[in-house]
């Protein structure tokens, strides 16, 4: 993430604006969203990102940080339930 700058070619800027047919977003929250990776490194590879650009985690608002953590936790639970890793 690069501060407040938004790049028209940035996947994190484009994903929320993509049509539902082209979107890799699997969940949209109030301040953050969960998206699949177009080129996953392994099964279940996904990303949780805030809608607003921030250079560091400490630059997120308390609400953004809380939702990011809760979506990460929920994603982990869903992946564990779905993939049943050893």
PDB file of N, CA and C in Angstrom:
ATOM      1  N   UNK A   1       0.842  -1.169   0.000  1.00  0.00           N
ATOM      2  CA  UNK A   1       0.000   0.000   0.000  1.00  0.00           C
ATOM      3  C   UNK A   1       0.886   1.230   0.000  1.00  0.00           C
ATOM      4  N   UNK A   2       0.406   2.282  -0.610  1.00  0.00           N
ATOM      5  CA  UNK A   2       1.251   3.448  -0.783  1.00  0.00           C
ATOM      6  C   UNK A   2       0.591   4.733  -0.303  1.00  0.00           C
ATOM      7  N   UNK A   3       0.336   4.836   0.968  1.00  0.00           N
ATOM      8  CA  UNK A   3      -0.253   6.044   1.517  1.00  0.00           C
ATOM      9  C   UNK A   3      -1.628   6.330   0.939  1.00  0.00           C
ATOM     10  N   UNK A   4      -1.924   7.606   0.699  1.00  0.00           N
ATOM     11  CA  UNK A   4      -3.240   7.990   0.186  1.00  0.00           C
ATOM     12  C   UNK A   4      -3.327   7.899  -1.333  1.00  0.00           C
ATOM     13  N   UNK A   5      -2.221   7.702  -2.022  1.00  0.00           N
ATOM     14  CA  UNK A   5      -2.223   7.637  -3.479  1.00  0.00           C
ATOM     15  C   UNK A   5      -3.009   6.426  -3.948  1.00  0.00           C
ATOM     16  N   UNK A   6      -3.843   6.611  -4.953  1.00  0.00           N
ATOM     17  CA  UNK A   6      -4.567   5.499  -5.542  1.00  0.00           C
ATOM     18  C   UNK A   6      -4.171   5.393  -7.003  1.00  0.00           C
ATOM     19  N   UNK A   7      -3.660   4.273  -7.391  1.00  0.00           N
ATOM     20  CA  UNK A   7      -3.193   4.025  -8.742  1.00  0.00           C
ATOM     21  C   UNK A   7      -4.302   3.325  -9.512  1.00  0.00           C
ATOM     22  N   UNK A   8      -4.626   3.814 -10.682  1.00  0.00           N
ATOM     23  CA  UNK A   8      -5.696   3.219 -11.485  1.00  0.00           C
ATOM     24  C   UNK A   8      -5.390   1.775 -11.846  1.00  0.00           C
ATOM     25  N   UNK A   9      -4.119   1.358 -11.811  1.00  0.00           N
ATOM     26  CA  UNK A   9      -3.746  -0.013 -12.127  1.00  0.00           C
ATOM     27  C   UNK A   9      -3.552  -0.885 -10.902  1.00  0.00           C
ATOM     28  N   UNK A  10      -3.807  -0.364  -9.728  1.00  0.00           N
ATOM     29  CA  UNK A  10      -3.613  -1.104  -8.478  1.00  0.00           C
ATOM     30  C   UNK A  10      -4.729  -2.127  -8.305  1.00  0.00           C
ATOM     31  N   UNK A  11      -4.365  -3.379  -8.069  1.00  0.00           N
ATOM     32  CA  UNK A  11      -5.385  -4.420  -7.920  1.00  0.00           C
ATOM     33  C   UNK A  11      -6.301  -4.150  -6.733  1.00  0.00           C
ATOM     34  N   UNK A  12      -5.782  -3.499  -5.713  1.00  0.00           N
ATOM     35  CA  UNK A  12      -6.593  -3.218  -4.532  1.00  0.00           C
ATOM     36  C   UNK A  12      -7.558  -2.058  -4.768  1.00  0.00           C
ATOM     37  N   UNK A  13      -7.272  -1.198  -5.743  1.00  0.00           N
ATOM     38  CA  UNK A  13      -8.204  -0.144  -6.131  1.00  0.00           C
ATOM     39  C   UNK A  13      -9.225  -0.679  -7.132  1.00  0.00           C
ATOM     40  N   UNK A  14      -8.763  -1.537  -8.028  1.00  0.00           N
ATOM     41  CA  UNK A  14      -9.633  -2.055  -9.084  1.00  0.00           C
ATOM     42  C   UNK A  14     -10.626  -3.097  -8.574  1.00  0.00           C
ATOM     43  N   UNK A  15     -10.225  -3.939  -7.649  1.00  0.00           N
ATOM     44  CA  UNK A  15     -11.074  -5.049  -7.197  1.00  0.00           C
ATOM     45  C   UNK A  15     -12.440  -4.592  -6.696  1.00  0.00           C
ATOM     46  N   UNK A  16     -12.527  -3.588  -5.829  1.00  0.00           N
ATOM     47  CA  UNK A  16     -13.856  -3.188  -5.347  1.00  0.00           C
ATOM     48  C   UNK A  16     -14.744  -2.580  -6.438  1.00  0.00           C
ATOM     49  N   UNK A  17     -14.125  -2.082  -7.516  1.00  0.00           N
ATOM     50  CA  UNK A  17     -14.896  -1.446  -8.587  1.00  0.00           C
ATOM     51  C   UNK A  17     -15.221  -2.408  -9.727  1.00  0.00           C
ATOM     52  N   UNK A  18     -14.697  -3.623  -9.691  1.00  0.00           N
ATOM     53  CA  UNK A  18     -14.922  -4.589 -10.765  1.00  0.00           C
ATOM     54  C   UNK A  18     -16.376  -5.044 -10.777  1.00  0.00           C
ATOM     55  N   UNK A  19     -16.835  -5.444 -11.955  1.00  0.00           N
ATOM     56  CA  UNK A  19     -18.193  -5.987 -12.033  1.00  0.00           C
ATOM     57  C   UNK A  19     -18.241  -7.288 -11.239  1.00  0.00           C
ATOM     58  N   UNK A  20     -19.412  -7.687 -10.825  1.00  0.00           N
ATOM     59  CA  UNK A  20     -19.536  -8.899 -10.007  1.00  0.00           C
ATOM     60  C   UNK A  20     -19.043 -10.135 -10.752  1.00  0.00           C
ATOM     61  N   UNK A  21     -19.108 -10.135 -12.086  1.00  0.00           N
ATOM     62  CA  UNK A  21     -18.620 -11.267 -12.872  1.00  0.00           C
ATOM     63  C   UNK A  21     -17.098 -11.345 -12.884  1.00  0.00           C
ATOM     64  N   UNK A  22     -16.430 -10.187 -12.792  1.00  0.00           N
ATOM     65  CA  UNK A  22     -14.975 -10.135 -12.854  1.00  0.00           C
ATOM     66  C   UNK A  22     -14.316 -10.043 -11.483  1.00  0.00           C
ATOM     67  N   UNK A  23     -15.099  -9.863 -10.462  1.00  0.00           N
ATOM     68  CA  UNK A  23     -14.562  -9.624  -9.128  1.00  0.00           C
ATOM     69  C   UNK A  23     -14.085 -10.914  -8.469  1.00  0.00           C
ATOM     70  N   UNK A  24     -12.988 -10.817  -7.770  1.00  0.00           N
ATOM     71  CA  UNK A  24     -12.467 -11.922  -6.972  1.00  0.00           C
ATOM     72  C   UNK A  24     -12.827 -11.738  -5.497  1.00  0.00           C
ATOM     73  N   UNK A  25     -13.632 -10.728  -5.197  1.00  0.00           N
ATOM     74  CA  UNK A  25     -14.029 -10.446  -3.817  1.00  0.00           C
ATOM     75  C   UNK A  25     -15.048 -11.476  -3.365  1.00  0.00           C
ATOM     76  N   UNK A  26     -14.747 -12.102  -2.230  1.00  0.00           N
ATOM     77  CA  UNK A  26     -15.657 -13.104  -1.678  1.00  0.00           C
ATOM     78  C   UNK A  26     -16.438 -12.567  -0.471  1.00  0.00           C
ATOM     79  N   UNK A  27     -16.005 -11.438   0.080  1.00  0.00           N
ATOM     80  CA  UNK A  27     -16.736 -10.803   1.172  1.00  0.00           C
ATOM     81  C   UNK A  27     -16.393  -9.324   1.201  1.00  0.00           C
ATOM     82  N   UNK A  28     -17.405  -8.488   1.350  1.00  0.00           N
ATOM     83  CA  UNK A  28     -17.213  -7.041   1.468  1.00  0.00           C
ATOM     84  C   UNK A  28     -17.706  -6.579   2.825  1.00  0.00           C
ATOM     85  N   UNK A  29     -16.815  -5.974   3.587  1.00  0.00           N
ATOM     86  CA  UNK A  29     -17.188  -5.407   4.873  1.00  0.00           C
ATOM     87  C   UNK A  29     -17.369  -3.906   4.754  1.00  0.00           C
ATOM     88  N   UNK A  30     -17.473  -3.243   5.876  1.00  0.00           N
ATOM     89  CA  UNK A  30     -17.654  -1.790   5.891  1.00  0.00           C
ATOM     90  C   UNK A  30     -16.382  -1.052   5.507  1.00  0.00           C
ATOM     91  N   UNK A  31     -15.217  -1.547   5.970  1.00  0.00           N
ATOM     92  CA  UNK A  31     -13.956  -0.853   5.718  1.00  0.00           C
ATOM     93  C   UNK A  31     -12.911  -1.734   5.044  1.00  0.00           C
ATOM     94  N   UNK A  32     -13.157  -3.041   4.979  1.00  0.00           N
ATOM     95  CA  UNK A  32     -12.197  -3.988   4.413  1.00  0.00           C
ATOM     96  C   UNK A  32     -12.943  -5.049   3.608  1.00  0.00           C
ATOM     97  N   UNK A  33     -12.206  -5.776   2.803  1.00  0.00           N
ATOM     98  CA  UNK A  33     -12.809  -6.833   2.006  1.00  0.00           C
ATOM     99  C   UNK A  33     -11.848  -8.017   1.886  1.00  0.00           C
ATOM    100  N   UNK A  34     -12.403  -9.171   1.512  1.00  0.00           N
ATOM    101  CA  UNK A  34     -11.629 -10.401   1.342  1.00  0.00           C
ATOM    102  C   UNK A  34     -11.678 -10.752  -0.137  1.00  0.00           C
ATOM    103  N   UNK A  35     -10.522 -10.995  -0.724  1.00  0.00           N
ATOM    104  CA  UNK A  35     -10.492 -11.362  -2.127  1.00  0.00           C
ATOM    105  C   UNK A  35      -9.560 -12.535  -2.370  1.00  0.00           C
ATOM    106  N   UNK A  36      -9.916 -13.294  -3.384  1.00  0.00           N
ATOM    107  CA  UNK A  36      -9.076 -14.410  -3.803  1.00  0.00           C
ATOM    108  C   UNK A  36      -7.922 -13.869  -4.622  1.00  0.00           C
ATOM    109  N   UNK A  37      -6.842 -14.605  -4.649  1.00  0.00           N
ATOM    110  CA  UNK A  37      -5.689 -14.246  -5.460  1.00  0.00           C
ATOM    111  C   UNK A  37      -5.879 -14.843  -6.845  1.00  0.00           C
ATOM    112  N   UNK A  38      -5.733 -14.040  -7.886  1.00  0.00           N
ATOM    113  CA  UNK A  38      -5.879 -14.517  -9.259  1.00  0.00           C
ATOM    114  C   UNK A  38      -4.850 -15.595  -9.576  1.00  0.00           C
ATOM    115  N   UNK A  39      -3.669 -15.481  -8.998  1.00  0.00           N
ATOM    116  CA  UNK A  39      -2.596 -16.459  -9.191  1.00  0.00           C
ATOM    117  C   UNK A  39      -2.162 -16.979  -7.819  1.00  0.00           C
ATOM    118  N   UNK A  40      -2.960 -17.860  -7.213  1.00  0.00           N
ATOM    119  CA  UNK A  40      -2.677 -18.300  -5.834  1.00  0.00           C
ATOM    120  C   UNK A  40      -1.387 -19.103  -5.734  1.00  0.00           C
ATOM    121  N   UNK A  41      -0.691 -18.913  -4.625  1.00  0.00           N
ATOM    122  CA  UNK A  41       0.522 -19.667  -4.338  1.00  0.00           C
ATOM    123  C   UNK A  41       0.188 -21.082  -3.896  1.00  0.00           C
ATOM    124  N   UNK A  42      -0.959 -21.242  -3.265  1.00  0.00           N
ATOM    125  CA  UNK A  42      -1.423 -22.559  -2.828  1.00  0.00           C
ATOM    126  C   UNK A  42      -2.935 -22.514  -2.660  1.00  0.00           C
ATOM    127  N   UNK A  43      -3.549 -23.658  -2.428  1.00  0.00           N
ATOM    128  CA  UNK A  43      -4.994 -23.710  -2.228  1.00  0.00           C
ATOM    129  C   UNK A  43      -5.385 -22.847  -1.030  1.00  0.00           C
ATOM    130  N   UNK A  44      -6.442 -22.090  -1.195  1.00  0.00           N
ATOM    131  CA  UNK A  44      -6.922 -21.268  -0.096  1.00  0.00           C
ATOM    132  C   UNK A  44      -6.236 -19.926   0.044  1.00  0.00           C
ATOM    133  N   UNK A  45      -5.346 -19.582  -0.877  1.00  0.00           N
ATOM    134  CA  UNK A  45      -4.644 -18.299  -0.788  1.00  0.00           C
ATOM    135  C   UNK A  45      -5.638 -17.166  -1.023  1.00  0.00           C
ATOM    136  N   UNK A  46      -5.806 -16.312  -0.034  1.00  0.00           N
ATOM    137  CA  UNK A  46      -6.661 -15.137  -0.167  1.00  0.00           C
ATOM    138  C   UNK A  46      -6.018 -13.961   0.530  1.00  0.00           C
ATOM    139  N   UNK A  47      -6.587 -12.800   0.326  1.00  0.00           N
ATOM    140  CA  UNK A  47      -6.051 -11.575   0.910  1.00  0.00           C
ATOM    141  C   UNK A  47      -7.177 -10.808   1.580  1.00  0.00           C
ATOM    142  N   UNK A  48      -6.850 -10.112   2.642  1.00  0.00           N
ATOM    143  CA  UNK A  48      -7.776  -9.217   3.312  1.00  0.00           C
ATOM    144  C   UNK A  48      -7.165  -7.822   3.189  1.00  0.00           C
ATOM    145  N   UNK A  49      -7.942  -6.890   2.660  1.00  0.00           N
ATOM    146  CA  UNK A  49      -7.400  -5.554   2.404  1.00  0.00           C
ATOM    147  C   UNK A  49      -8.393  -4.483   2.823  1.00  0.00           C
ATOM    148  N   UNK A  50      -7.869  -3.347   3.299  1.00  0.00           N
ATOM    149  CA  UNK A  50      -8.761  -2.215   3.572  1.00  0.00           C
ATOM    150  C   UNK A  50      -9.101  -1.513   2.261  1.00  0.00           C
ATOM    151  N   UNK A  51     -10.258  -0.882   2.187  1.00  0.00           N
ATOM    152  CA  UNK A  51     -10.608  -0.097   1.012  1.00  0.00           C
ATOM    153  C   UNK A  51      -9.695   1.118   0.888  1.00  0.00           C
ATOM    154  N   UNK A  52      -9.326   1.699   2.008  1.00  0.00           N
ATOM    155  CA  UNK A  52      -8.492   2.897   2.034  1.00  0.00           C
ATOM    156  C   UNK A  52      -7.029   2.492   2.059  1.00  0.00           C
ATOM    157  N   UNK A  53      -6.237   3.154   1.233  1.00  0.00           N
ATOM    158  CA  UNK A  53      -4.796   2.885   1.256  1.00  0.00           C
ATOM    159  C   UNK A  53      -4.186   3.414   2.548  1.00  0.00           C
ATOM    160  N   UNK A  54      -3.266   2.665   3.089  1.00  0.00           N
ATOM    161  CA  UNK A  54      -2.504   3.085   4.265  1.00  0.00           C
ATOM    162  C   UNK A  54      -1.120   2.476   4.134  1.00  0.00           C
ATOM    163  N   UNK A  55      -0.096   3.227   4.442  1.00  0.00           N
ATOM    164  CA  UNK A  55       1.273   2.764   4.270  1.00  0.00           C
ATOM    165  C   UNK A  55       1.651   1.668   5.265  1.00  0.00           C
ATOM    166  N   UNK A  56       1.043   1.695   6.448  1.00  0.00           N
ATOM    167  CA  UNK A  56       1.369   0.717   7.483  1.00  0.00           C
ATOM    168  C   UNK A  56       0.096   0.342   8.245  1.00  0.00           C
ATOM    169  N   UNK A  57       0.170  -0.748   8.986  1.00  0.00           N
ATOM    170  CA  UNK A  57      -0.967  -1.127   9.829  1.00  0.00           C
ATOM    171  C   UNK A  57      -1.265  -0.045  10.860  1.00  0.00           C
ATOM    172  N   UNK A  58      -0.230   0.612  11.357  1.00  0.00           N
ATOM    173  CA  UNK A  58      -0.442   1.654  12.366  1.00  0.00           C
ATOM    174  C   UNK A  58      -1.154   2.874  11.789  1.00  0.00           C
ATOM    175  N   UNK A  59      -1.218   2.992  10.472  1.00  0.00           N
ATOM    176  CA  UNK A  59      -1.926   4.110   9.841  1.00  0.00           C
ATOM    177  C   UNK A  59      -3.419   3.839   9.706  1.00  0.00           C
ATOM    178  N   UNK A  60      -3.852   2.607   9.963  1.00  0.00           N
ATOM    179  CA  UNK A  60      -5.268   2.280   9.893  1.00  0.00           C
ATOM    180  C   UNK A  60      -5.994   2.843  11.110  1.00  0.00           C
ATOM    181  N   UNK A  61      -7.250   3.158  10.922  1.00  0.00           N
ATOM    182  CA  UNK A  61      -8.061   3.599  12.057  1.00  0.00           C
ATOM    183  C   UNK A  61      -8.332   2.381  12.942  1.00  0.00           C
ATOM    184  N   UNK A  62      -8.714   2.586  14.190  1.00  0.00           N
ATOM    185  CA  UNK A  62      -9.047   1.436  15.038  1.00  0.00           C
ATOM    186  C   UNK A  62     -10.138   0.558  14.426  1.00  0.00           C
ATOM    187  N   UNK A  63     -11.130   1.172  13.796  1.00  0.00           N
ATOM    188  CA  UNK A  63     -12.205   0.403  13.169  1.00  0.00           C
ATOM    189  C   UNK A  63     -11.719  -0.426  11.988  1.00  0.00           C
ATOM    190  N   UNK A  64     -10.851   0.157  11.155  1.00  0.00           N
ATOM    191  CA  UNK A  64     -10.282  -0.573  10.016  1.00  0.00           C
ATOM    192  C   UNK A  64      -9.428  -1.734  10.503  1.00  0.00           C
ATOM    193  N   UNK A  65      -8.612  -1.469  11.499  1.00  0.00           N
ATOM    194  CA  UNK A  65      -7.735  -2.507  12.033  1.00  0.00           C
ATOM    195  C   UNK A  65      -8.552  -3.634  12.654  1.00  0.00           C
ATOM    196  N   UNK A  66      -9.610  -3.290  13.370  1.00  0.00           N
ATOM    197  CA  UNK A  66     -10.450  -4.312  13.984  1.00  0.00           C
ATOM    198  C   UNK A  66     -11.124  -5.168  12.913  1.00  0.00           C
ATOM    199  N   UNK A  67     -11.685  -4.531  11.891  1.00  0.00           N
ATOM    200  CA  UNK A  67     -12.354  -5.312  10.848  1.00  0.00           C
ATOM    201  C   UNK A  67     -11.353  -6.162  10.075  1.00  0.00           C
ATOM    202  N   UNK A  68     -10.160  -5.641   9.791  1.00  0.00           N
ATOM    203  CA  UNK A  68      -9.134  -6.404   9.102  1.00  0.00           C
ATOM    204  C   UNK A  68      -8.777  -7.661   9.891  1.00  0.00           C
ATOM    205  N   UNK A  69      -8.597  -7.518  11.200  1.00  0.00           N
ATOM    206  CA  UNK A  69      -8.253  -8.663  12.046  1.00  0.00           C
ATOM    207  C   UNK A  69      -9.406  -9.666  12.115  1.00  0.00           C
ATOM    208  N   UNK A  70     -10.630  -9.174  12.262  1.00  0.00           N
ATOM    209  CA  UNK A  70     -11.781 -10.080  12.345  1.00  0.00           C
ATOM    210  C   UNK A  70     -12.026 -10.806  11.024  1.00  0.00           C
ATOM    211  N   UNK A  71     -11.841 -10.123   9.897  1.00  0.00           N
ATOM    212  CA  UNK A  71     -11.994 -10.788   8.606  1.00  0.00           C
ATOM    213  C   UNK A  71     -10.888 -11.811   8.373  1.00  0.00           C
ATOM    214  N   UNK A  72      -9.683 -11.512   8.832  1.00  0.00           N
ATOM    215  CA  UNK A  72      -8.582 -12.477   8.731  1.00  0.00           C
ATOM    216  C   UNK A  72      -8.895 -13.714   9.574  1.00  0.00           C
ATOM    217  N   UNK A  73      -9.378 -13.505  10.783  1.00  0.00           N
ATOM    218  CA  UNK A  73      -9.740 -14.614  11.665  1.00  0.00           C
ATOM    219  C   UNK A  73     -10.872 -15.446  11.057  1.00  0.00           C
ATOM    220  N   UNK A  74     -11.894 -14.791  10.542  1.00  0.00           N
ATOM    221  CA  UNK A  74     -13.009 -15.499   9.920  1.00  0.00           C
ATOM    222  C   UNK A  74     -12.594 -16.255   8.674  1.00  0.00           C
ATOM    223  N   UNK A  75     -11.701 -15.669   7.891  1.00  0.00           N
ATOM    224  CA  UNK A  75     -11.190 -16.333   6.691  1.00  0.00           C
ATOM    225  C   UNK A  75     -10.416 -17.592   7.057  1.00  0.00           C
ATOM    226  N   UNK A  76      -9.602 -17.494   8.103  1.00  0.00           N
ATOM    227  CA  UNK A  76      -8.852 -18.659   8.556  1.00  0.00           C
ATOM    228  C   UNK A  76      -9.798 -19.771   8.987  1.00  0.00           C
ATOM    229  N   UNK A  77     -10.838 -19.422   9.710  1.00  0.00           N
ATOM    230  CA  UNK A  77     -11.807 -20.430  10.154  1.00  0.00           C
ATOM    231  C   UNK A  77     -12.512 -21.073   8.962  1.00  0.00           C
ATOM    232  N   UNK A  78     -12.884 -20.277   7.969  1.00  0.00           N
ATOM    233  CA  UNK A  78     -13.552 -20.814   6.778  1.00  0.00           C
ATOM    234  C   UNK A  78     -12.626 -21.741   5.998  1.00  0.00           C
ATOM    235  N   UNK A  79     -11.377 -21.350   5.855  1.00  0.00           N
ATOM    236  CA  UNK A  79     -10.411 -22.184   5.120  1.00  0.00           C
ATOM    237  C   UNK A  79     -10.127 -23.473   5.877  1.00  0.00           C
ATOM    238  N   UNK A  80     -10.021 -23.387   7.185  1.00  0.00           N
ATOM    239  CA  UNK A  80      -9.780 -24.589   7.995  1.00  0.00           C
ATOM    240  C   UNK A  80     -10.964 -25.534   7.868  1.00  0.00           C
ATOM    241  N   UNK A  81     -12.170 -24.999   7.915  1.00  0.00           N
ATOM    242  CA  UNK A  81     -13.361 -25.829   7.778  1.00  0.00           C
ATOM    243  C   UNK A  81     -13.508 -26.428   6.398  1.00  0.00           C
ATOM    244  N   UNK A  82     -13.134 -25.676   5.389  1.00  0.00           N
ATOM    245  CA  UNK A  82     -13.298 -26.150   4.024  1.00  0.00           C
ATOM    246  C   UNK A  82     -12.203 -27.085   3.534  1.00  0.00           C
ATOM    247  N   UNK A  83     -10.963 -26.798   3.931  1.00  0.00           N
ATOM    248  CA  UNK A  83      -9.828 -27.584   3.438  1.00  0.00           C
ATOM    249  C   UNK A  83      -9.344 -28.655   4.420  1.00  0.00           C
ATOM    250  N   UNK A  84      -9.688 -28.491   5.675  1.00  0.00           N
ATOM    251  CA  UNK A  84      -9.277 -29.428   6.718  1.00  0.00           C
ATOM    252  C   UNK A  84      -7.779 -29.763   6.640  1.00  0.00           C
ATOM    253  N   UNK A  85      -6.912 -28.739   6.763  1.00  0.00           N
ATOM    254  CA  UNK A  85      -5.473 -29.011   6.691  1.00  0.00           C
ATOM    255  C   UNK A  85      -4.992 -29.808   7.885  1.00  0.00           C
ATOM    256  N   UNK A  86      -3.923 -30.536   7.688  1.00  0.00           N
ATOM    257  CA  UNK A  86      -3.345 -31.346   8.772  1.00  0.00           C
ATOM    258  C   UNK A  86      -2.627 -30.473   9.769  1.00  0.00           C
TER     259      UNK A  86
END
